[in-house]
Amino acid sequence: MFAENTEVPKCPVAHLRSPEQFNPFIPDFSQAPQKAFMTAQAEQPVFFSPVMNMWVVTRHEDLKIVMQDTETFTSGGAFSAPAVVAPEALKIMGGLDHPVYRYSFINVDPPAHTRFRNNFQRAFTPRQIAILEPQIRELIHELLADLRSQKRAEVITTFCNQLPLRTMCRLVGVPDQDVAQIKRWSTDYVRLPNPGWSVEEQQTIGQSVVDYYAYMLALVKRYVSQPGENLISAVIESRQSDAEPLTDEEIAALMVNLVLAGHETTAALLGNTLHSLLSQRDLWEYFCKHPERSAAAVDEFIRHGGSAIGLFRRTSRDVLIGEVKIPKDSTVWIAYLSGNYDPAKFSNPEKLDFSRDNANEHLTFGHGIHYCIGASLAKTEIRLVLEELTRHYPSLRLADQSLARVPNFVLWAYQEMVLTID
């Protein structure tokens, strides 16, 4: 056991002995973050990173404690707080108090969080997800048209990104012709917390945030006067019976964040899952013979290929985690992916093991009141992709290629991936 420690701990990476060198902003980290996390779990599971200017929590047990204790580890302003944004970009956005941050599931605490979540939970009931299944299956084959005709395709941009994006847009009420623009804005939004962008690039990113919100606000106002069969209209209609009805501005900002979270993380999960499965031919052939067993394997794929590397909390008081003292008003990085690779929780965590009886205890979707509202939809999409691809594309293979990860310390995703079929 570690003694209480208020000093800056050692760097958790075995070959880097300076804490300044624990750096999730570099490509080496993006390629294999689980390696650094597993070293941290063994050497110093809770530590301060000067490079990040925040505390990092890595063990599964500690992560659950942090996510359950929402009074000590608050979400209010925690997502936007770590962003280092140039004044020129902040001016465009009107600061980090822009509605997309002020009205966000992951950036607020109860009672606002409870109020927001209750209004959106109805969209992700088992019945609603079941209604979407035929559309998702149809989309899977539609998006693989190039692969079928050319026998070769880059699938991250043409398939993995598109399937959850189109699914979320149809659910929300975004017209099909606007999907490409939504993707461009979302990509910029995800880039914002990452350092290294020039002032000009940050201004472009800031403008994307402003434009994305303005688009969604206009869409909300359109459905106020012309309701449709979509989530925006359903939330608008629910205002008639709500004691504290959501404003148009709140709905628009929440929709921006919902569409973003609902497709970026699932897109990355799809890419990670395809790579994990196709890089082990015996596993692929097993599921081709038994596609009906895909459902039971979904949680292990999600644990192993967890796309959410981590998010943030702020401490409301001094607190001990893992016998390390974290001061009040600190930013804490809760490393979801690290929890998925904790050998104290999951034996031999780097192995895909479909016999695990606790795979569903992964932290990919978080834990506690901030557990991902769209988790059931994401799991359904992963399952349907596994079922459809193993049934209809048994000769699917990874092409010979060098794969690179997206340079992002929040999302673990591939930049590109080429697949072939005979």
Protein backbone atom coordinates (compact mmCIF):
# COMPACT_ATOMS: atom_id res chain seq x y z
CA MET A 1 0.00 0.00 0.00
CA PHE A 2 1.12 3.53 -0.68
CA ALA A 3 1.53 5.99 2.18
CA GLU A 4 -0.34 9.28 1.96
CA ASN A 5 1.54 11.38 -0.56
CA THR A 6 1.11 15.06 -1.29
CA GLU A 7 4.29 15.38 -3.33
CA VAL A 8 4.45 15.05 -7.11
CA PRO A 9 4.74 11.27 -7.70
CA LYS A 10 7.11 9.60 -10.12
CA CYS A 11 6.23 9.24 -13.75
CA PRO A 12 4.26 6.02 -14.29
CA VAL A 13 5.96 5.05 -17.55
CA ALA A 14 8.85 2.66 -16.96
CA HIS A 15 11.23 4.16 -19.53
CA LEU A 16 10.40 7.78 -18.66
CA ARG A 17 11.49 8.88 -15.21
CA SER A 18 10.36 12.51 -15.34
CA PRO A 19 6.67 13.29 -14.67
CA GLU A 20 6.86 15.94 -17.39
CA GLN A 21 7.28 13.11 -19.87
CA PHE A 22 3.97 11.44 -19.15
CA ASN A 23 2.40 12.99 -22.18
CA PRO A 24 -0.91 11.82 -23.69
CA PHE A 25 -0.60 14.54 -26.34
CA ILE A 26 2.08 12.69 -28.34
CA PRO A 27 1.50 10.06 -31.07
CA ASP A 28 3.27 7.28 -29.13
CA PHE A 29 0.67 7.52 -26.40
CA SER A 30 -2.23 7.48 -28.88
CA GLN A 31 -0.92 4.28 -30.45
CA ALA A 32 -1.09 2.25 -27.23
CA PRO A 33 -2.38 4.19 -24.19
CA GLN A 34 -3.15 0.97 -22.34
CA LYS A 35 0.59 0.27 -22.06
CA ALA A 36 1.21 3.50 -20.15
CA PHE A 37 -1.86 2.97 -17.99
CA MET A 38 -0.89 -0.57 -17.01
CA THR A 39 2.56 0.65 -15.99
CA ALA A 40 0.91 3.39 -13.93
CA GLN A 41 -1.33 0.87 -12.20
CA ALA A 42 1.75 -1.07 -11.11
CA GLU A 43 3.98 1.88 -10.15
CA GLN A 44 1.79 4.84 -9.15
CA PRO A 45 -1.91 4.45 -9.91
CA VAL A 46 -2.80 8.01 -8.85
CA PHE A 47 -0.38 10.76 -9.86
CA PHE A 48 -0.08 14.37 -10.94
CA SER A 49 0.89 15.09 -14.55
CA PRO A 50 2.51 18.52 -14.98
CA VAL A 51 2.19 18.18 -18.75
CA MET A 52 -1.58 17.86 -18.41
CA ASN A 53 -1.78 20.02 -15.29
CA MET A 54 -4.15 17.51 -13.75
CA TRP A 55 -4.30 14.39 -11.64
CA VAL A 56 -4.65 10.99 -13.31
CA VAL A 57 -6.58 8.05 -11.84
CA THR A 58 -5.92 4.66 -13.45
CA ARG A 59 -7.25 1.72 -11.40
CA HIS A 60 -10.71 0.30 -11.97
CA GLU A 61 -11.69 0.39 -8.29
CA ASP A 62 -10.52 3.99 -7.83
CA LEU A 63 -12.22 5.11 -11.04
CA LYS A 64 -15.56 3.77 -9.85
CA ILE A 65 -15.15 5.61 -6.54
CA VAL A 66 -14.46 8.87 -8.39
CA MET A 67 -17.44 8.44 -10.72
CA GLN A 68 -19.81 7.52 -7.88
CA ASP A 69 -18.84 10.43 -5.62
CA THR A 70 -20.30 13.26 -7.66
CA GLU A 71 -20.27 15.67 -4.71
CA THR A 72 -16.48 15.46 -4.30
CA PHE A 73 -15.64 14.91 -7.98
CA THR A 74 -17.93 17.32 -9.77
CA SER A 75 -18.66 17.59 -13.49
CA GLY A 76 -19.62 21.27 -13.46
CA GLY A 77 -17.27 22.94 -15.94
CA ALA A 78 -14.93 19.95 -15.84
CA PHE A 79 -15.03 19.18 -19.58
CA SER A 80 -14.29 22.73 -20.68
CA ALA A 81 -11.85 23.59 -17.87
CA PRO A 82 -8.76 21.79 -19.29
CA ALA A 83 -9.10 23.37 -22.74
CA VAL A 84 -6.27 25.80 -23.45
CA VAL A 85 -7.76 28.05 -26.09
CA ALA A 86 -6.25 31.15 -27.67
CA PRO A 87 -7.99 34.46 -26.83
CA GLU A 88 -8.78 34.92 -30.53
CA ALA A 89 -10.75 31.64 -30.56
CA LEU A 90 -12.42 32.40 -27.23
CA LYS A 91 -13.61 35.70 -28.65
CA ILE A 92 -15.34 33.89 -31.51
CA MET A 93 -17.03 31.48 -29.10
CA GLY A 94 -17.82 34.03 -26.44
CA GLY A 95 -15.68 32.07 -23.99
CA LEU A 96 -15.94 28.53 -22.59
CA ASP A 97 -19.34 29.41 -21.19
CA HIS A 98 -20.80 28.91 -24.66
CA PRO A 99 -24.14 27.03 -24.55
CA VAL A 100 -22.57 23.79 -25.86
CA TYR A 101 -20.51 23.67 -22.66
CA ARG A 102 -23.08 25.22 -20.33
CA TYR A 103 -25.81 22.78 -21.40
CA SER A 104 -23.96 19.47 -21.63
CA PHE A 105 -24.55 16.08 -20.03
CA ILE A 106 -20.86 15.70 -19.14
CA ASN A 107 -20.18 19.29 -18.08
CA VAL A 108 -22.91 19.83 -15.47
CA ASP A 109 -23.95 18.45 -12.08
CA PRO A 110 -27.38 17.66 -10.63
CA PRO A 111 -30.00 19.05 -10.53
CA ALA A 112 -29.34 20.40 -14.05
CA HIS A 113 -27.87 17.06 -15.16
CA THR A 114 -30.92 15.17 -13.85
CA ARG A 115 -33.26 17.56 -15.63
CA PHE A 116 -31.38 17.22 -18.93
CA ARG A 117 -31.06 13.45 -18.76
CA ASN A 118 -34.68 12.78 -17.88
CA ASN A 119 -35.80 14.61 -21.01
CA PHE A 120 -33.62 12.49 -23.29
CA GLN A 121 -33.73 9.08 -21.65
CA ARG A 122 -36.97 8.18 -23.44
CA ALA A 123 -35.15 8.05 -26.79
CA PHE A 124 -33.04 5.10 -25.73
CA THR A 125 -35.58 2.64 -24.38
CA PRO A 126 -35.30 -0.98 -25.63
CA ARG A 127 -38.45 -0.42 -27.70
CA GLN A 128 -37.00 2.63 -29.46
CA ILE A 129 -33.72 0.85 -30.14
CA ALA A 130 -35.58 -2.15 -31.57
CA ILE A 131 -37.44 0.15 -33.96
CA LEU A 132 -34.09 1.38 -35.30
CA GLU A 133 -32.65 -2.12 -35.93
CA PRO A 134 -33.97 -2.63 -39.49
CA GLN A 135 -32.69 0.81 -40.51
CA ILE A 136 -29.26 0.09 -39.05
CA ARG A 137 -29.01 -3.27 -40.85
CA GLU A 138 -29.98 -1.58 -44.12
CA LEU A 139 -27.42 1.17 -43.58
CA ILE A 140 -24.65 -1.37 -42.94
CA HIS A 141 -25.04 -2.87 -46.41
CA GLU A 142 -25.61 0.47 -48.08
CA LEU A 143 -22.34 1.82 -46.68
CA LEU A 144 -20.40 -1.24 -47.81
CA ALA A 145 -21.35 -0.82 -51.48
CA ASP A 146 -17.83 0.27 -52.50
CA LEU A 147 -16.31 -2.71 -50.72
CA ARG A 148 -18.62 -5.07 -52.58
CA SER A 149 -18.02 -3.52 -55.99
CA GLN A 150 -14.29 -2.80 -55.71
CA LYS A 151 -13.35 -5.60 -53.30
CA ARG A 152 -11.36 -3.05 -51.32
CA ALA A 153 -12.30 0.01 -49.25
CA GLU A 154 -11.08 2.39 -46.58
CA VAL A 155 -13.72 1.76 -43.91
CA ILE A 156 -13.05 4.24 -41.11
CA THR A 157 -14.34 7.26 -43.05
CA THR A 158 -16.78 5.42 -45.32
CA PHE A 159 -18.30 2.95 -42.85
CA CYS A 160 -17.29 3.21 -39.18
CA ASN A 161 -17.79 6.97 -39.04
CA GLN A 162 -20.90 7.00 -41.18
CA LEU A 163 -23.03 4.28 -39.59
CA PRO A 164 -23.39 5.79 -36.08
CA LEU A 165 -23.43 9.32 -37.48
CA ARG A 166 -26.34 8.63 -39.84
CA THR A 167 -28.13 6.64 -37.16
CA MET A 168 -27.85 9.49 -34.65
CA CYS A 169 -28.84 12.12 -37.21
CA ARG A 170 -31.96 10.20 -38.20
CA LEU A 171 -32.85 9.69 -34.55
CA VAL A 172 -32.44 13.38 -33.75
CA GLY A 173 -34.03 14.75 -36.92
CA VAL A 174 -31.06 16.03 -38.92
CA PRO A 175 -31.80 15.81 -42.68
CA ASP A 176 -29.58 13.38 -44.63
CA GLN A 177 -28.18 16.18 -46.80
CA ASP A 178 -26.68 17.87 -43.71
CA VAL A 179 -24.86 14.83 -42.34
CA ALA A 180 -21.50 15.64 -43.98
CA GLN A 181 -21.50 19.13 -42.48
CA ILE A 182 -22.39 17.74 -39.05
CA LYS A 183 -19.35 15.47 -39.30
CA ARG A 184 -17.02 18.38 -40.13
CA TRP A 185 -18.29 20.41 -37.19
CA SER A 186 -18.07 17.41 -34.84
CA THR A 187 -14.49 16.70 -35.86
CA ASP A 188 -13.52 20.26 -34.96
CA TYR A 189 -15.40 20.13 -31.67
CA VAL A 190 -13.44 17.01 -30.63
CA ARG A 191 -10.16 18.68 -31.60
CA LEU A 192 -10.68 21.67 -29.31
CA PRO A 193 -9.28 20.24 -26.02
CA ASN A 194 -6.08 19.05 -27.70
CA PRO A 195 -3.08 21.41 -27.54
CA GLY A 196 -0.80 22.24 -30.44
CA TRP A 197 -3.16 24.01 -32.83
CA SER A 198 -2.11 27.34 -34.28
CA VAL A 199 -4.16 30.44 -33.46
CA GLU A 200 -5.67 30.29 -36.96
CA GLU A 201 -6.63 26.62 -36.52
CA GLN A 202 -8.18 27.36 -33.14
CA GLN A 203 -10.20 30.17 -34.69
CA THR A 204 -11.49 27.73 -37.30
CA ILE A 205 -12.37 25.22 -34.59
CA GLY A 206 -14.08 27.92 -32.52
CA GLN A 207 -16.13 29.00 -35.53
CA SER A 208 -17.19 25.40 -36.08
CA VAL A 209 -18.52 25.21 -32.52
CA VAL A 210 -20.48 28.43 -33.06
CA ASP A 211 -21.84 27.30 -36.44
CA TYR A 212 -22.78 23.83 -35.17
CA TYR A 213 -24.81 25.30 -32.32
CA ALA A 214 -26.45 27.89 -34.57
CA TYR A 215 -27.47 25.16 -37.02
CA MET A 216 -28.98 23.02 -34.25
CA LEU A 217 -30.81 25.96 -32.72
CA ALA A 218 -32.37 26.78 -36.10
CA LEU A 219 -33.38 23.11 -36.46
CA VAL A 220 -35.03 23.15 -33.02
CA LYS A 221 -37.00 26.29 -33.91
CA ARG A 222 -38.07 24.64 -37.18
CA TYR A 223 -39.45 21.62 -35.32
CA VAL A 224 -41.24 23.90 -32.85
CA SER A 225 -43.44 25.09 -35.71
CA GLN A 226 -43.28 21.93 -37.85
CA PRO A 227 -43.01 18.83 -35.61
CA GLY A 228 -41.65 15.59 -37.05
CA GLU A 229 -41.04 11.98 -36.03
CA ASN A 230 -37.73 12.58 -34.27
CA LEU A 231 -36.11 13.16 -30.90
CA ILE A 232 -36.06 16.96 -31.14
CA SER A 233 -39.82 17.04 -31.70
CA ALA A 234 -40.38 14.57 -28.85
CA VAL A 235 -38.40 16.72 -26.42
CA ILE A 236 -40.23 19.84 -27.59
CA GLU A 237 -43.59 18.11 -27.10
CA SER A 238 -42.62 16.97 -23.60
CA ARG A 239 -42.31 20.60 -22.53
CA GLN A 240 -46.09 20.76 -22.23
CA SER A 241 -46.03 18.50 -19.16
CA ASP A 242 -42.63 19.36 -17.64
CA ALA A 243 -42.46 21.46 -14.50
CA GLU A 244 -39.17 22.91 -15.75
CA PRO A 245 -39.36 22.69 -19.55
CA LEU A 246 -36.15 22.88 -21.54
CA THR A 247 -35.59 26.05 -23.55
CA ASP A 248 -34.83 26.01 -27.28
CA GLU A 249 -31.25 26.96 -26.44
CA GLU A 250 -30.84 24.08 -23.99
CA ILE A 251 -32.31 21.56 -26.43
CA ALA A 252 -30.02 22.77 -29.23
CA ALA A 253 -26.86 22.55 -27.12
CA LEU A 254 -27.83 19.15 -25.72
CA MET A 255 -28.48 17.87 -29.25
CA VAL A 256 -25.04 19.04 -30.36
CA ASN A 257 -23.44 17.06 -27.55
CA LEU A 258 -25.72 14.05 -27.97
CA VAL A 259 -25.00 13.67 -31.69
CA LEU A 260 -21.28 14.14 -31.05
CA ALA A 261 -21.10 11.60 -28.24
CA GLY A 262 -23.43 9.21 -30.03
CA HIS A 263 -21.33 8.87 -33.15
CA GLU A 264 -17.68 9.71 -32.38
CA THR A 265 -17.24 7.10 -29.65
CA THR A 266 -19.26 4.42 -31.45
CA ALA A 267 -17.38 5.05 -34.70
CA ALA A 268 -14.08 4.53 -32.90
CA LEU A 269 -15.47 1.42 -31.19
CA LEU A 270 -16.44 -0.04 -34.56
CA GLY A 271 -12.95 0.51 -35.97
CA ASN A 272 -11.29 -0.94 -32.88
CA THR A 273 -13.60 -3.95 -32.92
CA LEU A 274 -13.04 -4.70 -36.60
CA HIS A 275 -9.28 -4.51 -36.16
CA SER A 276 -9.30 -6.71 -33.05
CA LEU A 277 -11.39 -9.36 -34.77
CA LEU A 278 -9.84 -9.34 -38.24
CA SER A 279 -6.28 -9.35 -36.92
CA GLN A 280 -7.04 -12.73 -35.29
CA ARG A 281 -8.26 -14.90 -38.13
CA ASP A 282 -9.35 -17.79 -35.94
CA LEU A 283 -11.70 -15.49 -34.04
CA TRP A 284 -13.14 -14.08 -37.25
CA GLU A 285 -13.77 -17.56 -38.66
CA TYR A 286 -15.37 -18.63 -35.38
CA PHE A 287 -17.92 -15.80 -35.52
CA CYS A 288 -18.53 -16.42 -39.22
CA LYS A 289 -19.59 -19.94 -38.29
CA HIS A 290 -21.55 -18.75 -35.24
CA PRO A 291 -22.88 -15.23 -35.96
CA GLU A 292 -25.63 -15.75 -33.40
CA ARG A 293 -22.96 -15.64 -30.67
CA SER A 294 -21.97 -12.07 -31.50
CA ALA A 295 -24.36 -10.63 -28.92
CA ALA A 296 -22.59 -12.41 -26.06
CA ALA A 297 -19.23 -11.07 -27.25
CA VAL A 298 -20.17 -7.39 -27.50
CA ASP A 299 -19.12 -6.39 -23.98
CA GLU A 300 -15.69 -7.96 -24.34
CA PHE A 301 -15.13 -6.13 -27.63
CA ILE A 302 -16.22 -2.90 -25.95
CA ARG A 303 -13.90 -3.51 -22.98
CA HIS A 304 -10.92 -4.36 -25.15
CA GLY A 305 -11.45 -1.63 -27.74
CA GLY A 306 -12.88 1.04 -25.46
CA SER A 307 -12.85 4.25 -27.45
CA ALA A 308 -13.28 6.74 -24.59
CA ILE A 309 -9.78 7.16 -23.13
CA GLY A 310 -10.94 9.46 -20.36
CA LEU A 311 -12.87 12.52 -19.23
CA PHE A 312 -12.59 15.01 -16.41
CA ARG A 313 -13.84 15.93 -12.96
CA ARG A 314 -13.10 18.81 -10.57
CA THR A 315 -12.52 18.27 -6.83
CA SER A 316 -14.77 20.20 -4.45
CA ARG A 317 -12.54 19.37 -1.45
CA ASP A 318 -9.23 17.76 -0.54
CA VAL A 319 -9.63 14.02 -1.02
CA LEU A 320 -7.64 10.79 -0.74
CA ILE A 321 -7.70 8.38 -3.68
CA GLY A 322 -5.43 5.37 -3.55
CA GLU A 323 -3.89 6.99 -0.44
CA VAL A 324 -2.76 9.93 -2.55
CA LYS A 325 -4.07 13.33 -1.52
CA ILE A 326 -5.67 15.34 -4.34
CA PRO A 327 -6.19 19.00 -3.39
CA LYS A 328 -9.43 20.92 -3.66
CA ASP A 329 -10.09 22.63 -7.03
CA SER A 330 -7.93 20.15 -8.95
CA THR A 331 -8.79 18.73 -12.35
CA VAL A 332 -8.86 14.93 -12.38
CA TRP A 333 -8.55 12.80 -15.51
CA ILE A 334 -10.64 9.66 -15.05
CA ALA A 335 -9.05 7.22 -17.48
CA TYR A 336 -11.90 4.92 -18.55
CA LEU A 337 -9.67 2.89 -20.86
CA SER A 338 -7.19 2.34 -18.06
CA GLY A 339 -9.90 0.73 -15.95
CA ASN A 340 -10.64 -1.67 -18.81
CA TYR A 341 -7.01 -2.82 -18.74
CA ASP A 342 -6.60 -3.16 -14.98
CA PRO A 343 -5.27 -6.70 -14.30
CA ALA A 344 -6.66 -6.50 -10.78
CA LYS A 345 -10.13 -6.47 -12.38
CA PHE A 346 -9.64 -8.28 -15.69
CA SER A 347 -7.09 -11.08 -15.84
CA ASN A 348 -4.74 -10.87 -18.82
CA PRO A 349 -6.52 -7.67 -19.94
CA GLU A 350 -4.71 -7.29 -23.27
CA LYS A 351 -6.27 -10.53 -24.51
CA LEU A 352 -9.70 -10.71 -26.12
CA ASP A 353 -11.32 -13.34 -23.93
CA PHE A 354 -14.97 -14.12 -24.59
CA SER A 355 -15.16 -16.44 -21.60
CA ARG A 356 -14.86 -13.54 -19.14
CA ASP A 357 -17.77 -13.47 -16.74
CA ASN A 358 -17.22 -9.81 -15.84
CA ALA A 359 -16.65 -8.19 -19.23
CA ASN A 360 -19.80 -6.13 -18.72
CA GLU A 361 -18.06 -4.30 -15.86
CA HIS A 362 -15.94 -2.32 -18.33
CA LEU A 363 -15.88 1.46 -17.97
CA THR A 364 -16.12 2.41 -21.65
CA PHE A 365 -19.51 4.04 -21.05
CA GLY A 366 -18.56 5.45 -17.66
CA HIS A 367 -20.28 4.65 -14.38
CA GLY A 368 -22.86 6.17 -12.06
CA ILE A 369 -25.17 9.04 -12.96
CA HIS A 370 -23.05 9.99 -15.98
CA TYR A 371 -23.22 6.50 -17.51
CA CYS A 372 -23.56 7.00 -21.26
CA ILE A 373 -27.19 7.68 -22.12
CA GLY A 374 -26.79 6.03 -25.54
CA ALA A 375 -24.92 2.91 -24.40
CA SER A 376 -27.74 0.57 -25.45
CA LEU A 377 -27.75 2.03 -28.96
CA ALA A 378 -23.97 1.74 -29.27
CA LYS A 379 -24.04 -1.90 -28.16
CA THR A 380 -26.82 -2.62 -30.65
CA GLU A 381 -24.80 -1.09 -33.50
CA ILE A 382 -21.71 -3.16 -32.59
CA ARG A 383 -23.81 -6.32 -32.43
CA LEU A 384 -25.54 -5.70 -35.75
CA VAL A 385 -22.25 -4.97 -37.51
CA LEU A 386 -20.78 -8.21 -36.18
CA GLU A 387 -23.85 -10.19 -37.24
CA GLU A 388 -24.16 -8.69 -40.71
CA LEU A 389 -20.46 -8.78 -41.60
CA THR A 390 -19.84 -12.32 -40.42
CA ARG A 391 -22.97 -13.58 -42.21
CA HIS A 392 -22.52 -11.76 -45.52
CA TYR A 393 -18.79 -10.97 -45.82
CA PRO A 394 -16.93 -14.07 -44.55
CA SER A 395 -13.91 -13.38 -46.80
CA LEU A 396 -13.37 -9.94 -45.23
CA ARG A 397 -9.72 -9.24 -44.41
CA LEU A 398 -7.39 -6.51 -43.23
CA ALA A 399 -5.25 -5.24 -46.10
CA ASP A 400 -1.49 -5.00 -45.57
CA GLN A 401 -1.05 -1.52 -44.15
CA SER A 402 0.47 0.61 -41.43
CA LEU A 403 -2.28 1.78 -39.11
CA ALA A 404 -2.11 5.07 -37.23
CA ARG A 405 -4.25 6.33 -34.39
CA VAL A 406 -6.01 9.68 -34.26
CA PRO A 407 -3.87 12.12 -32.20
CA ASN A 408 -6.41 12.64 -29.45
CA PHE A 409 -6.13 12.00 -25.71
CA VAL A 410 -9.91 11.73 -25.22
CA LEU A 411 -10.76 9.33 -28.07
CA TRP A 412 -8.91 6.12 -29.04
CA ALA A 413 -9.55 5.66 -32.74
CA TYR A 414 -7.89 4.70 -36.02
CA GLN A 415 -7.34 7.31 -38.71
CA GLU A 416 -7.80 4.89 -41.61
CA MET A 417 -8.23 1.16 -42.17
CA VAL A 418 -8.41 -0.67 -45.49
CA LEU A 419 -10.38 -3.91 -45.75
CA THR A 420 -10.59 -6.32 -48.68
CA ILE A 421 -12.86 -9.17 -49.73
CA ASP A 422 -12.27 -11.94 -52.24
